[in-house]
Structure formats: structure tokens, C-alpha cells
Protein backbone atom coordinates (compact mmCIF):
# COMPACT_ATOMS: atom_id res chain seq x y z
CA MET A 1 -32.00 1.50 -47.88
CA ILE A 2 -29.48 -1.15 -49.02
CA GLU A 3 -29.92 -2.57 -52.51
CA PRO A 4 -27.80 -5.21 -54.23
CA ALA A 5 -25.77 -4.15 -57.26
CA PRO A 6 -23.84 -6.38 -59.69
CA ASP A 7 -20.49 -5.66 -58.02
CA GLY A 8 -21.55 -4.52 -54.54
CA ILE A 9 -24.39 -2.52 -53.00
CA VAL A 10 -26.15 0.83 -53.39
CA LEU A 11 -27.09 2.78 -50.26
CA SER A 12 -29.83 5.37 -50.05
CA VAL A 13 -28.30 8.15 -47.94
CA ARG A 14 -29.63 11.35 -46.37
CA VAL A 15 -26.80 13.79 -45.51
CA ILE A 16 -26.82 16.17 -42.57
CA PRO A 17 -24.08 18.77 -43.29
CA ARG A 18 -22.43 21.00 -40.68
CA ALA A 19 -23.04 18.47 -37.90
CA ALA A 20 -21.10 18.68 -34.66
CA LYS A 21 -19.68 15.19 -35.11
CA PRO A 22 -19.40 12.99 -38.24
CA GLY A 23 -20.81 9.47 -38.42
CA LEU A 24 -23.87 7.33 -39.04
CA ALA A 25 -26.98 8.51 -37.22
CA GLY A 26 -29.60 5.80 -37.81
CA THR A 27 -32.26 5.86 -40.51
CA ARG A 28 -35.05 8.14 -41.64
CA ALA A 29 -37.70 7.44 -44.29
CA GLY A 30 -35.80 4.50 -45.73
CA SER A 31 -32.44 6.28 -45.93
CA LEU A 32 -29.27 5.98 -43.89
CA LEU A 33 -28.53 9.25 -42.08
CA VAL A 34 -24.92 10.38 -42.45
CA ARG A 35 -23.69 13.35 -40.42
CA VAL A 36 -20.73 15.33 -41.79
CA THR A 37 -18.98 18.36 -40.35
CA ALA A 38 -18.21 19.89 -43.75
CA PRO A 39 -20.49 22.46 -45.37
CA PRO A 40 -22.08 21.55 -48.72
CA ILE A 41 -19.65 23.75 -50.65
CA GLU A 42 -17.34 22.70 -53.50
CA GLY A 43 -17.74 18.97 -52.84
CA ALA A 44 -16.43 19.07 -49.26
CA ALA A 45 -19.52 17.37 -47.84
CA ASN A 46 -19.49 14.71 -50.59
CA ALA A 47 -15.86 13.88 -49.87
CA GLU A 48 -16.66 13.52 -46.18
CA VAL A 49 -19.72 11.36 -46.94
CA ILE A 50 -17.44 8.95 -48.82
CA GLU A 51 -14.97 8.96 -45.94
CA VAL A 52 -17.64 8.33 -43.27
CA ILE A 53 -19.31 5.50 -45.22
CA ALA A 54 -15.98 3.84 -46.04
CA GLY A 55 -14.94 3.99 -42.39
CA ALA A 56 -18.28 2.68 -41.11
CA LEU A 57 -18.36 -0.21 -43.55
CA GLY A 58 -14.66 -1.03 -43.23
CA VAL A 59 -13.81 -0.64 -46.91
CA PRO A 60 -11.22 1.55 -48.68
CA ARG A 61 -12.46 4.96 -49.86
CA ARG A 62 -11.73 4.03 -53.48
CA ARG A 63 -14.56 1.46 -53.31
CA VAL A 64 -17.17 4.10 -52.41
CA SER A 65 -18.67 6.48 -54.97
CA ILE A 66 -21.69 8.75 -55.22
CA VAL A 67 -23.96 7.46 -58.00
CA SER A 68 -26.59 10.21 -57.88
CA GLY A 69 -27.52 13.26 -55.84
CA ALA A 70 -24.09 14.91 -55.73
CA ARG A 71 -25.78 18.30 -55.32
CA SER A 72 -28.56 17.12 -52.98
CA ARG A 73 -28.90 15.95 -49.39
CA GLN A 74 -30.49 12.74 -50.70
CA LYS A 75 -27.84 10.57 -52.39
CA ARG A 76 -27.33 7.09 -53.75
CA VAL A 77 -23.91 5.72 -52.86
CA HIS A 78 -22.29 2.67 -54.46
CA VAL A 79 -19.98 0.46 -52.40
CA ALA A 80 -18.02 -2.13 -54.39
CA GLY A 81 -17.11 -5.55 -53.04
CA LEU A 82 -19.68 -5.77 -50.25
CA ASP A 83 -22.90 -7.81 -50.05
CA VAL A 84 -26.22 -6.70 -48.58
CA GLY A 85 -25.98 -8.92 -45.48
CA ALA A 86 -22.50 -7.76 -44.50
CA ALA A 87 -23.43 -4.12 -45.14
CA ALA A 88 -26.60 -4.39 -43.03
CA ASP A 89 -24.63 -5.92 -40.16
CA ARG A 90 -21.96 -3.20 -40.28
CA VAL A 91 -24.52 -0.39 -40.53
CA ALA A 92 -26.46 -1.79 -37.55
CA ALA A 93 -23.27 -2.01 -35.50
CA ARG A 94 -22.23 1.59 -36.29
CA SER A 95 -25.54 3.48 -36.31
CA GLY A 96 -26.17 5.64 -33.31
């Protein structure tokens, strides 16, 4: 779910679009579940995924980017400037 990268971490993320409420929703099959209210149209859900992850991990949005899966529910998201231990602690504190 959380892998080290040279300048941060990479998260394996499963997106649930059109949710009632945005936020982290635990894990499933080795991926972090991220609920977003936006539909998967014209990048709206991707933008909200970045916003939700940045807020949950306490980093600026500019440090979060989608590495792969921009057109899929399964994504790999890079977060710069964060180590695996700190990310795991923050995810555990915010997952519902």
C-alpha cells in the first residue's frame, strides 16, 4: 500500500467516486480506499483525490501527483517529502 520512493512515497489507491462524503475509508486488497464526491469526468475525481490525500497526510497539494491510473479507479499516487513511517501513522489516524 505504501512504498518508499527516492523523494517521498508512492501510495496504491482505490477510488470510490460519487461518494456521499470525501475522505479515507480504510483499505481493500492492499490499496488505500479514497472516497470522493466528484464524478469521474474530465479529471474532477482525480483533482479531488489529490485534495483528499494532501489533506489526510498534512502536505500541500503541490506535493501530491498521480503517477499512474489517471483513467482508472486503481491509481498510484506519489507524495513528495514524506517517509513511509510518517505516512502510515497519518493514514492510520485518518482512516475510517
